C-alpha cells in the first residue's frame, strides 16, 4: 500500500516515520497515525495490505478510543467500527468480543425494523421508496450489519408508524 496518498500533508522525513510507526501497534503515535489513515481510506483491502485483519482487530479498540477523544463525531469511525464488528462476526480472530453494546443494539434495532416492515406488509424495496434508504442498505440494517444514524432510524419509525422503541 502506498501510504503517501493518505498522508499528503507530511514531508518526506515525516512520511518515512509514519510508515515505520504504522508497522508498530505498540508505538505511542500509532493510534494517531491510524486515525489519520482510516479517516482518509475507504478501502479495507488497502488497509489489510498494510496490516493483517487480526492485527486490525486487536488494535481497533485503542484506535477507536483515541479517535473518540480526538473527534466526538465521525462517520468514518462508525464505518470502520462496522468493519471491525463484521470481522469479529466472520470469526477472523477467536476469543474476542466487541466492546460495549453497539453490536448487540444494531441487531436488536435491525430486528425491530424487519418485524415492523413485515407487519406493515412492505417489501424492502417499498420501504426504500418511503424512506430514501437504498434496499441493500435496508437489508444490512435489518441483519444488524450496518450502523444506523438517528436520522435514518427516525425515517424508518415514521414510515413504519413506530411510536416507541423498547430494547
N, C-alpha and C. Protein backbone atom coordinates (compact mmCIF):
# COMPACT_ATOMS: atom_id res chain seq x y z
N UNK A 1 0.85 -1.18 0.00
CA UNK A 1 0.00 0.00 0.00
C UNK A 1 0.89 1.24 0.00
N UNK A 2 0.52 2.19 -0.81
CA UNK A 2 1.23 3.46 -0.86
C UNK A 2 0.60 4.41 0.15
N UNK A 3 1.20 4.51 1.33
CA UNK A 3 0.61 5.35 2.38
C UNK A 3 0.74 6.84 2.08
N UNK A 4 1.61 7.20 1.16
CA UNK A 4 1.81 8.61 0.83
C UNK A 4 0.51 9.27 0.36
N UNK A 5 -0.35 8.51 -0.32
CA UNK A 5 -1.59 9.12 -0.80
C UNK A 5 -2.56 9.45 0.34
N UNK A 6 -2.34 8.87 1.52
CA UNK A 6 -3.18 9.17 2.68
C UNK A 6 -2.53 10.17 3.63
N UNK A 7 -1.24 10.40 3.46
CA UNK A 7 -0.51 11.35 4.30
C UNK A 7 0.10 12.43 3.43
N UNK A 8 -0.73 13.05 2.60
CA UNK A 8 -0.27 14.05 1.65
C UNK A 8 0.28 15.30 2.34
N UNK A 9 -0.05 15.47 3.61
CA UNK A 9 0.37 16.67 4.32
C UNK A 9 1.73 16.52 5.02
N UNK A 10 2.38 15.37 4.85
CA UNK A 10 3.67 15.13 5.51
C UNK A 10 4.83 15.30 4.54
N UNK A 11 5.94 15.83 5.07
CA UNK A 11 7.15 15.90 4.24
C UNK A 11 7.78 14.52 4.16
N UNK A 12 8.84 14.39 3.37
CA UNK A 12 9.45 13.09 3.11
C UNK A 12 9.92 12.40 4.39
N UNK A 13 10.56 13.15 5.28
CA UNK A 13 11.07 12.58 6.53
C UNK A 13 9.92 12.09 7.41
N UNK A 14 8.90 12.92 7.56
CA UNK A 14 7.74 12.56 8.39
C UNK A 14 6.99 11.37 7.79
N UNK A 15 6.94 11.30 6.46
CA UNK A 15 6.28 10.18 5.80
C UNK A 15 7.02 8.87 6.09
N UNK A 16 8.34 8.90 6.08
CA UNK A 16 9.12 7.72 6.43
C UNK A 16 8.86 7.29 7.87
N UNK A 17 8.75 8.28 8.76
CA UNK A 17 8.44 7.99 10.17
C UNK A 17 7.05 7.36 10.29
N UNK A 18 6.09 7.91 9.55
CA UNK A 18 4.72 7.38 9.59
C UNK A 18 4.68 5.93 9.14
N UNK A 19 5.40 5.61 8.06
CA UNK A 19 5.44 4.23 7.56
C UNK A 19 5.96 3.27 8.63
N UNK A 20 7.00 3.70 9.33
CA UNK A 20 7.57 2.85 10.39
C UNK A 20 6.61 2.70 11.57
N UNK A 21 5.98 3.78 11.97
CA UNK A 21 5.06 3.74 13.11
C UNK A 21 3.85 2.87 12.80
N UNK A 22 3.36 2.90 11.56
CA UNK A 22 2.20 2.09 11.20
C UNK A 22 2.48 0.59 11.27
N UNK A 23 3.75 0.22 11.35
CA UNK A 23 4.12 -1.19 11.49
C UNK A 23 4.28 -1.59 12.95
N UNK A 24 4.13 -0.63 13.87
CA UNK A 24 4.38 -0.87 15.29
C UNK A 24 3.15 -0.48 16.12
N UNK A 25 2.18 -1.40 16.27
CA UNK A 25 0.96 -1.07 17.03
C UNK A 25 1.20 -0.63 18.47
N UNK A 26 2.34 -0.95 19.04
CA UNK A 26 2.61 -0.55 20.42
C UNK A 26 3.26 0.83 20.53
N UNK A 27 3.58 1.44 19.40
CA UNK A 27 4.20 2.76 19.40
C UNK A 27 3.18 3.79 19.89
N UNK A 28 3.62 4.75 20.67
CA UNK A 28 2.72 5.76 21.25
C UNK A 28 1.98 6.57 20.18
N UNK A 29 2.59 6.78 19.03
CA UNK A 29 1.96 7.58 17.97
C UNK A 29 1.09 6.74 17.02
N UNK A 30 1.10 5.43 17.18
CA UNK A 30 0.36 4.55 16.29
C UNK A 30 -1.13 4.91 16.18
N UNK A 31 -1.86 5.08 17.29
CA UNK A 31 -3.30 5.40 17.15
C UNK A 31 -3.55 6.69 16.36
N UNK A 32 -2.72 7.70 16.58
CA UNK A 32 -2.91 8.96 15.85
C UNK A 32 -2.71 8.81 14.36
N UNK A 33 -1.67 8.09 13.97
CA UNK A 33 -1.43 7.86 12.55
C UNK A 33 -2.53 6.98 11.94
N UNK A 34 -3.00 6.01 12.70
CA UNK A 34 -4.08 5.15 12.19
C UNK A 34 -5.37 5.95 12.01
N UNK A 35 -5.66 6.86 12.92
CA UNK A 35 -6.86 7.69 12.78
C UNK A 35 -6.77 8.51 11.50
N UNK A 36 -5.60 9.09 11.25
CA UNK A 36 -5.41 9.86 10.01
C UNK A 36 -5.63 8.96 8.80
N UNK A 37 -5.00 7.79 8.81
CA UNK A 37 -5.13 6.86 7.69
C UNK A 37 -6.58 6.42 7.49
N UNK A 38 -7.23 6.00 8.57
CA UNK A 38 -8.59 5.46 8.46
C UNK A 38 -9.62 6.55 8.12
N UNK A 39 -9.34 7.78 8.49
CA UNK A 39 -10.28 8.86 8.15
C UNK A 39 -10.15 9.27 6.68
N UNK A 40 -9.11 8.78 6.01
CA UNK A 40 -8.91 9.11 4.60
C UNK A 40 -9.02 7.89 3.68
N UNK A 41 -9.10 6.71 4.26
CA UNK A 41 -9.12 5.47 3.48
C UNK A 41 -10.49 4.81 3.58
N UNK A 42 -11.08 4.49 2.44
CA UNK A 42 -12.38 3.81 2.45
C UNK A 42 -12.28 2.45 1.72
N UNK A 43 -11.08 1.92 1.71
CA UNK A 43 -10.85 0.63 1.03
C UNK A 43 -10.20 -0.34 2.01
N UNK A 44 -11.01 -1.20 2.65
CA UNK A 44 -10.45 -2.17 3.59
C UNK A 44 -9.32 -3.01 2.99
N UNK A 45 -9.42 -3.35 1.70
CA UNK A 45 -8.36 -4.16 1.08
C UNK A 45 -7.01 -3.45 1.15
N UNK A 46 -7.04 -2.13 0.95
CA UNK A 46 -5.78 -1.38 1.04
C UNK A 46 -5.24 -1.40 2.46
N UNK A 47 -6.12 -1.20 3.44
CA UNK A 47 -5.67 -1.24 4.83
C UNK A 47 -5.08 -2.61 5.15
N UNK A 48 -5.79 -3.66 4.73
CA UNK A 48 -5.36 -5.01 5.08
C UNK A 48 -4.16 -5.48 4.26
N UNK A 49 -3.74 -4.69 3.26
CA UNK A 49 -2.47 -4.97 2.60
C UNK A 49 -1.33 -4.39 3.44
N UNK A 50 -1.66 -3.43 4.28
CA UNK A 50 -0.68 -2.82 5.18
C UNK A 50 -0.56 -3.59 6.49
N UNK A 51 -1.73 -4.03 7.01
CA UNK A 51 -1.73 -4.77 8.27
C UNK A 51 -2.74 -5.90 8.18
N UNK A 52 -2.42 -7.06 8.74
CA UNK A 52 -3.36 -8.19 8.71
C UNK A 52 -4.66 -7.85 9.46
N UNK A 53 -5.75 -8.48 9.05
CA UNK A 53 -7.05 -8.25 9.69
C UNK A 53 -6.98 -8.51 11.19
N UNK A 54 -6.30 -9.56 11.60
CA UNK A 54 -6.21 -9.88 13.03
C UNK A 54 -5.51 -8.77 13.81
N UNK A 55 -4.48 -8.15 13.20
CA UNK A 55 -3.80 -7.04 13.86
C UNK A 55 -4.73 -5.83 13.97
N UNK A 56 -5.54 -5.59 12.92
CA UNK A 56 -6.51 -4.50 12.97
C UNK A 56 -7.51 -4.75 14.10
N UNK A 57 -8.01 -5.98 14.18
CA UNK A 57 -9.00 -6.30 15.21
C UNK A 57 -8.41 -6.09 16.60
N UNK A 58 -7.18 -6.48 16.78
CA UNK A 58 -6.53 -6.32 18.08
C UNK A 58 -6.28 -4.85 18.41
N UNK A 59 -5.92 -4.06 17.40
CA UNK A 59 -5.57 -2.66 17.61
C UNK A 59 -6.79 -1.74 17.64
N UNK A 60 -7.90 -2.16 17.03
CA UNK A 60 -9.06 -1.27 16.87
C UNK A 60 -9.55 -0.64 18.17
N UNK A 61 -9.71 -1.38 19.27
CA UNK A 61 -10.23 -0.71 20.48
C UNK A 61 -9.39 0.50 20.92
N UNK A 62 -8.06 0.40 20.84
CA UNK A 62 -7.24 1.56 21.23
C UNK A 62 -7.30 2.66 20.18
N UNK A 63 -7.39 2.28 18.91
CA UNK A 63 -7.53 3.29 17.84
C UNK A 63 -8.85 4.03 18.02
N UNK A 64 -9.92 3.28 18.24
CA UNK A 64 -11.25 3.88 18.41
C UNK A 64 -11.27 4.80 19.62
N UNK A 65 -10.68 4.37 20.71
CA UNK A 65 -10.64 5.18 21.92
C UNK A 65 -9.93 6.51 21.66
N UNK A 66 -8.80 6.44 20.98
CA UNK A 66 -8.07 7.65 20.62
C UNK A 66 -8.92 8.55 19.73
N UNK A 67 -9.59 7.94 18.75
CA UNK A 67 -10.40 8.67 17.78
C UNK A 67 -11.56 9.38 18.47
N UNK A 68 -12.20 8.71 19.43
CA UNK A 68 -13.32 9.31 20.16
C UNK A 68 -12.85 10.55 20.92
N UNK A 69 -11.67 10.46 21.54
CA UNK A 69 -11.13 11.62 22.26
C UNK A 69 -10.78 12.76 21.31
N UNK A 70 -10.28 12.43 20.14
CA UNK A 70 -9.86 13.45 19.18
C UNK A 70 -11.02 14.09 18.43
N UNK A 71 -12.07 13.31 18.22
CA UNK A 71 -13.18 13.77 17.37
C UNK A 71 -14.48 13.14 17.89
N UNK A 72 -15.37 13.95 18.40
CA UNK A 72 -16.60 13.43 19.00
C UNK A 72 -17.47 12.67 17.99
N UNK A 73 -17.62 13.23 16.81
CA UNK A 73 -18.45 12.58 15.78
C UNK A 73 -17.59 12.28 14.57
N UNK A 74 -17.77 11.08 14.04
CA UNK A 74 -17.03 10.72 12.83
C UNK A 74 -17.74 9.59 12.12
N UNK A 75 -18.21 9.87 10.92
CA UNK A 75 -18.86 8.82 10.15
C UNK A 75 -17.86 7.75 9.73
N UNK A 76 -16.60 8.17 9.46
CA UNK A 76 -15.59 7.20 9.10
C UNK A 76 -15.32 6.24 10.26
N UNK A 77 -15.28 6.78 11.49
CA UNK A 77 -15.05 5.92 12.64
C UNK A 77 -16.18 4.90 12.78
N UNK A 78 -17.41 5.36 12.60
CA UNK A 78 -18.56 4.45 12.68
C UNK A 78 -18.46 3.38 11.59
N UNK A 79 -18.02 3.78 10.40
CA UNK A 79 -17.89 2.85 9.29
C UNK A 79 -16.84 1.79 9.61
N UNK A 80 -15.68 2.22 10.13
CA UNK A 80 -14.63 1.25 10.49
C UNK A 80 -15.06 0.39 11.67
N UNK A 81 -15.88 0.93 12.57
CA UNK A 81 -16.42 0.12 13.67
C UNK A 81 -17.26 -1.02 13.10
N UNK A 82 -18.04 -0.72 12.07
CA UNK A 82 -18.84 -1.76 11.42
C UNK A 82 -17.95 -2.82 10.78
N UNK A 83 -16.87 -2.39 10.13
CA UNK A 83 -15.91 -3.33 9.54
C UNK A 83 -15.34 -4.23 10.64
N UNK A 84 -14.97 -3.62 11.75
CA UNK A 84 -14.42 -4.37 12.90
C UNK A 84 -15.43 -5.41 13.39
N UNK A 85 -16.68 -5.00 13.55
CA UNK A 85 -17.70 -5.92 14.04
C UNK A 85 -17.98 -7.04 13.05
N UNK A 86 -17.95 -6.73 11.76
CA UNK A 86 -18.16 -7.76 10.75
C UNK A 86 -17.01 -8.78 10.77
N UNK A 87 -15.80 -8.30 10.95
CA UNK A 87 -14.66 -9.20 11.03
C UNK A 87 -14.79 -10.11 12.24
N UNK A 88 -15.25 -9.56 13.35
CA UNK A 88 -15.46 -10.38 14.54
C UNK A 88 -16.51 -11.44 14.28
N UNK A 89 -17.60 -11.02 13.63
CA UNK A 89 -18.70 -11.95 13.36
C UNK A 89 -18.26 -13.07 12.42
N UNK A 90 -17.42 -12.72 11.45
CA UNK A 90 -16.94 -13.72 10.50
C UNK A 90 -15.93 -14.67 11.13
N UNK A 91 -15.47 -14.33 12.33
CA UNK A 91 -14.55 -15.21 13.04
C UNK A 91 -13.11 -15.07 12.60
N UNK A 92 -12.73 -13.86 12.16
CA UNK A 92 -11.35 -13.66 11.74
C UNK A 92 -10.38 -13.90 12.89
N UNK A 93 -10.83 -13.65 14.08
CA UNK A 93 -9.98 -13.88 15.25
C UNK A 93 -10.86 -14.48 16.34
N UNK A 94 -10.35 -15.38 17.08
CA UNK A 94 -11.13 -16.09 18.09
C UNK A 94 -11.00 -15.41 19.46
N UNK A 95 -11.97 -15.65 20.30
CA UNK A 95 -11.96 -15.20 21.69
C UNK A 95 -11.93 -13.68 21.85
N UNK A 96 -12.46 -12.95 20.90
CA UNK A 96 -12.56 -11.50 21.02
C UNK A 96 -14.02 -11.14 20.83
N UNK A 97 -14.53 -10.31 21.70
CA UNK A 97 -15.90 -9.84 21.56
C UNK A 97 -15.89 -8.33 21.47
N UNK A 98 -16.85 -7.75 20.77
CA UNK A 98 -16.87 -6.30 20.66
C UNK A 98 -17.08 -5.65 22.01
N UNK A 99 -16.50 -4.47 22.18
CA UNK A 99 -16.65 -3.72 23.41
C UNK A 99 -18.00 -3.00 23.39
N UNK A 100 -18.67 -2.94 24.52
CA UNK A 100 -19.92 -2.20 24.63
C UNK A 100 -21.10 -2.92 24.03
N UNK A 101 -22.19 -2.18 23.88
CA UNK A 101 -23.45 -2.76 23.44
C UNK A 101 -23.78 -2.48 21.98
N UNK A 102 -22.96 -1.74 21.27
CA UNK A 102 -23.31 -1.33 19.92
C UNK A 102 -23.64 -2.52 19.02
N UNK A 103 -22.84 -3.54 19.05
CA UNK A 103 -23.04 -4.70 18.19
C UNK A 103 -24.40 -5.33 18.49
N UNK A 104 -24.71 -5.54 19.74
CA UNK A 104 -25.99 -6.11 20.17
C UNK A 104 -27.14 -5.19 19.76
N UNK A 105 -26.98 -3.90 19.97
CA UNK A 105 -28.05 -2.96 19.65
C UNK A 105 -28.34 -2.90 18.15
N UNK A 106 -27.31 -3.01 17.33
CA UNK A 106 -27.55 -3.00 15.88
C UNK A 106 -28.44 -4.16 15.47
N UNK A 107 -28.20 -5.33 16.04
CA UNK A 107 -29.04 -6.49 15.73
C UNK A 107 -30.47 -6.30 16.24
N UNK A 108 -30.61 -5.74 17.43
CA UNK A 108 -31.94 -5.51 18.01
C UNK A 108 -32.73 -4.50 17.17
N UNK A 109 -32.09 -3.40 16.81
CA UNK A 109 -32.76 -2.37 16.01
C UNK A 109 -33.11 -2.93 14.64
N UNK A 110 -32.19 -3.67 14.04
CA UNK A 110 -32.46 -4.29 12.74
C UNK A 110 -33.65 -5.23 12.80
N UNK A 111 -33.72 -6.03 13.85
CA UNK A 111 -34.85 -6.95 14.02
C UNK A 111 -36.16 -6.20 14.21
N UNK A 112 -36.12 -5.10 14.94
CA UNK A 112 -37.31 -4.27 15.13
C UNK A 112 -37.80 -3.71 13.80
N UNK A 113 -36.88 -3.20 13.01
CA UNK A 113 -37.25 -2.65 11.69
C UNK A 113 -37.85 -3.75 10.82
N UNK A 114 -37.21 -4.91 10.79
CA UNK A 114 -37.71 -6.02 9.97
C UNK A 114 -39.14 -6.42 10.39
N UNK A 115 -39.35 -6.60 11.70
CA UNK A 115 -40.68 -7.02 12.18
C UNK A 115 -41.74 -5.98 11.84
N UNK A 116 -41.42 -4.70 12.03
CA UNK A 116 -42.38 -3.64 11.73
C UNK A 116 -42.68 -3.59 10.23
N UNK A 117 -41.65 -3.77 9.41
CA UNK A 117 -41.84 -3.76 7.95
C UNK A 117 -42.74 -4.91 7.52
N UNK A 118 -42.50 -6.09 8.05
CA UNK A 118 -43.30 -7.26 7.70
C UNK A 118 -44.74 -7.09 8.19
N UNK A 119 -44.90 -6.54 9.40
CA UNK A 119 -46.26 -6.29 9.92
C UNK A 119 -47.04 -5.32 9.04
N UNK A 120 -46.32 -4.38 8.42
CA UNK A 120 -46.96 -3.42 7.52
C UNK A 120 -47.11 -3.99 6.11
N UNK A 121 -46.65 -5.23 5.92
CA UNK A 121 -46.70 -5.91 4.63
C UNK A 121 -45.97 -5.13 3.53
N UNK A 122 -44.79 -4.64 3.90
CA UNK A 122 -43.96 -3.90 2.95
C UNK A 122 -42.75 -4.73 2.58
N UNK A 123 -42.34 -4.64 1.34
CA UNK A 123 -41.08 -5.25 0.93
C UNK A 123 -39.96 -4.27 1.28
N UNK A 124 -38.73 -4.74 1.23
CA UNK A 124 -37.61 -3.83 1.47
C UNK A 124 -37.57 -2.74 0.41
N UNK A 125 -37.92 -3.10 -0.82
CA UNK A 125 -37.93 -2.12 -1.91
C UNK A 125 -38.98 -1.03 -1.64
N UNK A 126 -40.16 -1.43 -1.15
CA UNK A 126 -41.20 -0.45 -0.84
C UNK A 126 -40.77 0.46 0.31
N UNK A 127 -40.12 -0.12 1.31
CA UNK A 127 -39.61 0.70 2.42
C UNK A 127 -38.52 1.64 1.93
N UNK A 128 -37.75 1.18 0.98
CA UNK A 128 -36.72 2.02 0.37
C UNK A 128 -37.32 3.27 -0.26
N UNK A 129 -38.41 3.08 -0.99
CA UNK A 129 -39.08 4.22 -1.64
C UNK A 129 -39.61 5.20 -0.58
N UNK A 130 -40.17 4.67 0.49
CA UNK A 130 -40.76 5.51 1.55
C UNK A 130 -39.71 6.29 2.34
N UNK A 131 -38.53 5.70 2.52
CA UNK A 131 -37.52 6.31 3.39
C UNK A 131 -36.36 6.97 2.66
N UNK A 132 -36.16 6.61 1.40
CA UNK A 132 -35.00 7.13 0.67
C UNK A 132 -33.71 6.38 1.00
N UNK A 133 -33.83 5.26 1.69
CA UNK A 133 -32.67 4.42 2.01
C UNK A 133 -32.63 3.29 0.98
N UNK A 134 -31.49 3.07 0.38
CA UNK A 134 -31.38 2.04 -0.66
C UNK A 134 -31.70 0.66 -0.10
N UNK A 135 -32.30 -0.19 -0.92
CA UNK A 135 -32.72 -1.52 -0.49
C UNK A 135 -31.57 -2.35 0.08
N UNK A 136 -30.38 -2.37 -0.55
CA UNK A 136 -29.29 -3.16 0.03
C UNK A 136 -28.90 -2.68 1.44
N UNK A 137 -29.01 -1.36 1.66
CA UNK A 137 -28.70 -0.81 2.97
C UNK A 137 -29.75 -1.26 3.99
N UNK A 138 -31.01 -1.30 3.58
CA UNK A 138 -32.07 -1.78 4.47
C UNK A 138 -31.80 -3.22 4.86
N UNK A 139 -31.38 -4.03 3.91
CA UNK A 139 -31.06 -5.43 4.19
C UNK A 139 -29.94 -5.53 5.24
N UNK A 140 -28.88 -4.74 5.07
CA UNK A 140 -27.78 -4.76 6.02
C UNK A 140 -28.21 -4.28 7.40
N UNK A 141 -29.05 -3.25 7.43
CA UNK A 141 -29.55 -2.73 8.71
C UNK A 141 -30.38 -3.79 9.41
N UNK A 142 -31.28 -4.44 8.67
CA UNK A 142 -32.13 -5.46 9.27
C UNK A 142 -31.32 -6.64 9.81
N UNK A 143 -30.20 -6.92 9.21
CA UNK A 143 -29.34 -8.01 9.68
C UNK A 143 -28.43 -7.57 10.82
N UNK A 144 -28.43 -6.26 11.13
CA UNK A 144 -27.55 -5.76 12.19
C UNK A 144 -26.12 -5.63 11.75
N UNK A 145 -25.91 -5.53 10.44
CA UNK A 145 -24.55 -5.47 9.90
C UNK A 145 -24.14 -4.06 9.47
N UNK A 146 -25.00 -3.09 9.72
CA UNK A 146 -24.69 -1.72 9.32
C UNK A 146 -25.14 -0.77 10.41
N UNK A 147 -24.27 0.18 10.72
CA UNK A 147 -24.65 1.21 11.67
C UNK A 147 -25.80 2.02 11.09
N UNK A 148 -26.63 2.53 11.96
CA UNK A 148 -27.77 3.32 11.53
C UNK A 148 -27.75 4.64 12.28
N UNK A 149 -27.94 5.72 11.56
CA UNK A 149 -27.95 7.02 12.22
C UNK A 149 -29.32 7.27 12.84
N UNK A 150 -29.36 8.22 13.74
CA UNK A 150 -30.63 8.59 14.38
C UNK A 150 -31.59 9.13 13.31
N UNK A 151 -31.08 9.88 12.35
CA UNK A 151 -31.93 10.43 11.29
C UNK A 151 -32.57 9.31 10.47
N UNK A 152 -31.79 8.28 10.13
CA UNK A 152 -32.33 7.15 9.36
C UNK A 152 -33.33 6.38 10.20
N UNK A 153 -33.01 6.16 11.46
CA UNK A 153 -33.94 5.46 12.35
C UNK A 153 -35.25 6.23 12.45
N UNK A 154 -35.16 7.54 12.50
CA UNK A 154 -36.35 8.38 12.56
C UNK A 154 -37.21 8.21 11.30
N UNK A 155 -36.56 8.13 10.14
CA UNK A 155 -37.32 7.92 8.89
C UNK A 155 -38.01 6.57 8.89
N UNK A 156 -37.31 5.53 9.38
CA UNK A 156 -37.93 4.21 9.49
C UNK A 156 -39.13 4.25 10.42
N UNK A 157 -38.96 4.88 11.58
CA UNK A 157 -40.05 4.96 12.56
C UNK A 157 -41.27 5.67 11.96
N UNK A 158 -41.03 6.73 11.22
CA UNK A 158 -42.13 7.47 10.60
C UNK A 158 -42.83 6.61 9.55
N UNK A 159 -42.06 5.97 8.69
CA UNK A 159 -42.63 5.16 7.60
C UNK A 159 -43.35 3.92 8.13
N UNK A 160 -42.85 3.36 9.24
CA UNK A 160 -43.40 2.12 9.76
C UNK A 160 -44.36 2.35 10.93
N UNK A 161 -44.59 3.63 11.24
CA UNK A 161 -45.50 4.00 12.33
C UNK A 161 -45.06 3.41 13.67
N UNK A 162 -43.76 3.51 13.92
CA UNK A 162 -43.20 3.06 15.22
C UNK A 162 -43.20 4.26 16.14
N UNK A 163 -43.90 4.15 17.26
CA UNK A 163 -44.02 5.26 18.21
C UNK A 163 -43.04 5.14 19.37
N UNK A 164 -42.64 3.91 19.69
CA UNK A 164 -41.79 3.68 20.84
C UNK A 164 -40.87 2.50 20.55
N UNK A 165 -39.63 2.62 20.96
CA UNK A 165 -38.68 1.53 20.77
C UNK A 165 -38.31 0.98 22.14
N UNK A 166 -38.57 -0.28 22.33
CA UNK A 166 -38.23 -0.96 23.58
C UNK A 166 -37.13 -1.98 23.29
N UNK A 167 -35.94 -1.70 23.80
CA UNK A 167 -34.81 -2.62 23.58
C UNK A 167 -34.45 -3.32 24.87
